[in-house]
C-alpha atoms as a PDB file:
ATOM      1  CA  MET A   1       0.676 -14.093 -12.299  1.00  0.00           C
ATOM      2  CA  TYR A   2       0.669 -13.473  -8.577  1.00  0.00           C
ATOM      3  CA  SER A   3      -2.072 -11.479  -6.913  1.00  0.00           C
ATOM      4  CA  ILE A   4      -0.690  -8.480  -5.043  1.00  0.00           C
ATOM      5  CA  SER A   5      -2.909  -5.828  -3.514  1.00  0.00           C
ATOM      6  CA  GLN A   6      -2.545  -2.466  -1.830  1.00  0.00           C
ATOM      7  CA  GLY A   7      -0.907  -2.565   1.598  1.00  0.00           C
ATOM      8  CA  GLN A   8       0.972  -5.830   1.036  1.00  0.00           C
ATOM      9  CA  LEU A   9       4.707  -6.310   1.179  1.00  0.00           C
ATOM     10  CA  ALA A  10       6.292  -7.639  -1.982  1.00  0.00           C
ATOM     11  CA  PHE A  11       9.699  -8.941  -3.039  1.00  0.00           C
ATOM     12  CA  LEU A  12      11.408  -7.114  -5.901  1.00  0.00           C
ATOM     13  CA  PRO A  13      14.450  -8.927  -7.357  1.00  0.00           C
ATOM     14  CA  SER A  14      17.729  -7.247  -8.224  1.00  0.00           C
ATOM     15  CA  ASP A  15      18.040  -5.768 -11.708  1.00  0.00           C
ATOM     16  CA  SER A  16      14.368  -4.697 -11.653  1.00  0.00           C
ATOM     17  CA  MET A  17      13.555  -1.318 -13.143  1.00  0.00           C
ATOM     18  CA  LEU A  18      11.638   1.377 -11.258  1.00  0.00           C
ATOM     19  CA  VAL A  19      10.180   4.392 -13.046  1.00  0.00           C
ATOM     20  CA  GLN A  20       8.417   7.657 -12.307  1.00  0.00           C
ATOM     21  CA  PHE A  21       6.308   9.241 -15.025  1.00  0.00           C
ATOM     22  CA  ASN A  22       5.708  12.936 -15.579  1.00  0.00           C
ATOM     23  CA  GLY A  23       3.028  14.738 -17.499  1.00  0.00           C
ATOM     24  CA  GLU A  24      -0.747  14.667 -17.266  1.00  0.00           C
ATOM     25  CA  GLN A  25      -1.089  11.435 -19.213  1.00  0.00           C
ATOM     26  CA  ASP A  26       2.052   9.783 -17.795  1.00  0.00           C
ATOM     27  CA  ASP A  27       3.500  10.114 -21.259  1.00  0.00           C
ATOM     28  CA  TRP A  28       7.226  10.252 -20.453  1.00  0.00           C
ATOM     29  CA  VAL A  29       9.605   8.870 -17.850  1.00  0.00           C
ATOM     30  CA  SER A  30      10.985  11.552 -15.552  1.00  0.00           C
ATOM     31  CA  SER A  31      13.168   9.265 -13.388  1.00  0.00           C
ATOM     32  CA  TRP A  32      14.266   5.661 -13.372  1.00  0.00           C
ATOM     33  CA  ARG A  33      16.337   3.329 -11.195  1.00  0.00           C
ATOM     34  CA  ARG A  34      17.733  -0.149 -11.820  1.00  0.00           C
ATOM     35  CA  LEU A  35      18.001  -2.062  -8.553  1.00  0.00           C
ATOM     36  CA  LYS A  36      21.402  -3.460  -7.655  1.00  0.00           C
ATOM     37  CA  GLU A  37      20.038  -5.536  -4.771  1.00  0.00           C
ATOM     38  CA  PRO A  38      16.712  -7.266  -4.102  1.00  0.00           C
ATOM     39  CA  LEU A  39      14.216  -5.350  -1.974  1.00  0.00           C
ATOM     40  CA  THR A  40      11.108  -5.812   0.088  1.00  0.00           C
ATOM     41  CA  VAL A  41       8.700  -2.994  -0.780  1.00  0.00           C
ATOM     42  CA  LEU A  42       5.264  -1.792   0.276  1.00  0.00           C
ATOM     43  CA  VAL A  43       2.621  -1.819  -2.459  1.00  0.00           C
ATOM     44  CA  LEU A  44       0.823   1.539  -2.403  1.00  0.00           C
ATOM     45  CA  ALA A  45      -1.634   0.871  -5.239  1.00  0.00           C
ATOM     46  CA  ARG A  46      -2.386  -1.468  -8.117  1.00  0.00           C
ATOM     47  CA  GLU A  47      -2.482   0.262 -11.465  1.00  0.00           C
ATOM     48  CA  GLU A  48      -5.378  -1.566 -13.155  1.00  0.00           C
ATOM     49  CA  ASP A  49      -4.979  -0.184 -16.685  1.00  0.00           C
ATOM     50  CA  THR A  50      -1.186  -0.451 -16.796  1.00  0.00           C
ATOM     51  CA  PRO A  51       1.417  -3.163 -16.241  1.00  0.00           C
ATOM     52  CA  TYR A  52       2.636  -1.341 -13.084  1.00  0.00           C
ATOM     53  CA  CYS A  53       2.180  -1.327  -9.322  1.00  0.00           C
ATOM     54  CA  LYS A  54       2.858   1.799  -7.300  1.00  0.00           C
ATOM     55  CA  ILE A  55       5.401   1.033  -4.556  1.00  0.00           C
ATOM     56  CA  LEU A  56       7.251   2.879  -1.801  1.00  0.00           C
ATOM     57  CA  TYR A  57      11.002   3.103  -2.415  1.00  0.00           C
ATOM     58  CA  ASN A  58      13.351   5.399  -0.457  1.00  0.00           C
ATOM     59  CA  GLY A  59      10.399   7.440   0.832  1.00  0.00           C
ATOM     60  CA  GLU A  60       9.037   8.126  -2.662  1.00  0.00           C
ATOM     61  CA  SER A  61       6.313   6.661  -4.840  1.00  0.00           C
ATOM     62  CA  TRP A  62       7.694   4.638  -7.780  1.00  0.00           C
ATOM     63  CA  LEU A  63       6.228   2.253 -10.333  1.00  0.00           C
ATOM     64  CA  ALA A  64       7.448  -1.324 -10.690  1.00  0.00           C
ATOM     65  CA  ARG A  65       6.299  -3.808 -13.302  1.00  0.00           C
ATOM     66  CA  ASN A  66       3.671  -6.235 -12.021  1.00  0.00           C
ATOM     67  CA  GLN A  67       5.649  -9.167 -13.417  1.00  0.00           C
ATOM     68  CA  ASP A  68       8.676  -8.229 -11.273  1.00  0.00           C
ATOM     69  CA  LEU A  69       6.793  -8.238  -7.936  1.00  0.00           C
ATOM     70  CA  TYR A  70       6.302 -11.363  -5.823  1.00  0.00           C
ATOM     71  CA  PRO A  71       4.057 -11.513  -2.738  1.00  0.00           C
ATOM     72  CA  LEU A  72       5.601 -12.368   0.618  1.00  0.00           C
END
């Protein structure tokens, strides 16, 4: 697995899934997007206890799977 940290740019391939959770315990998905094109995104935070990284996409905070992100 690649090491990506907060503040880095990362490559996110097409067909990756982005999610936003809602609820106090992040127990359900409130929004999701499947990317049609690859993106370069800013990593806002590493989620240590989950398989996600928080990224900036279209001016909003989203979660992307760690395994889908590649450092630049």
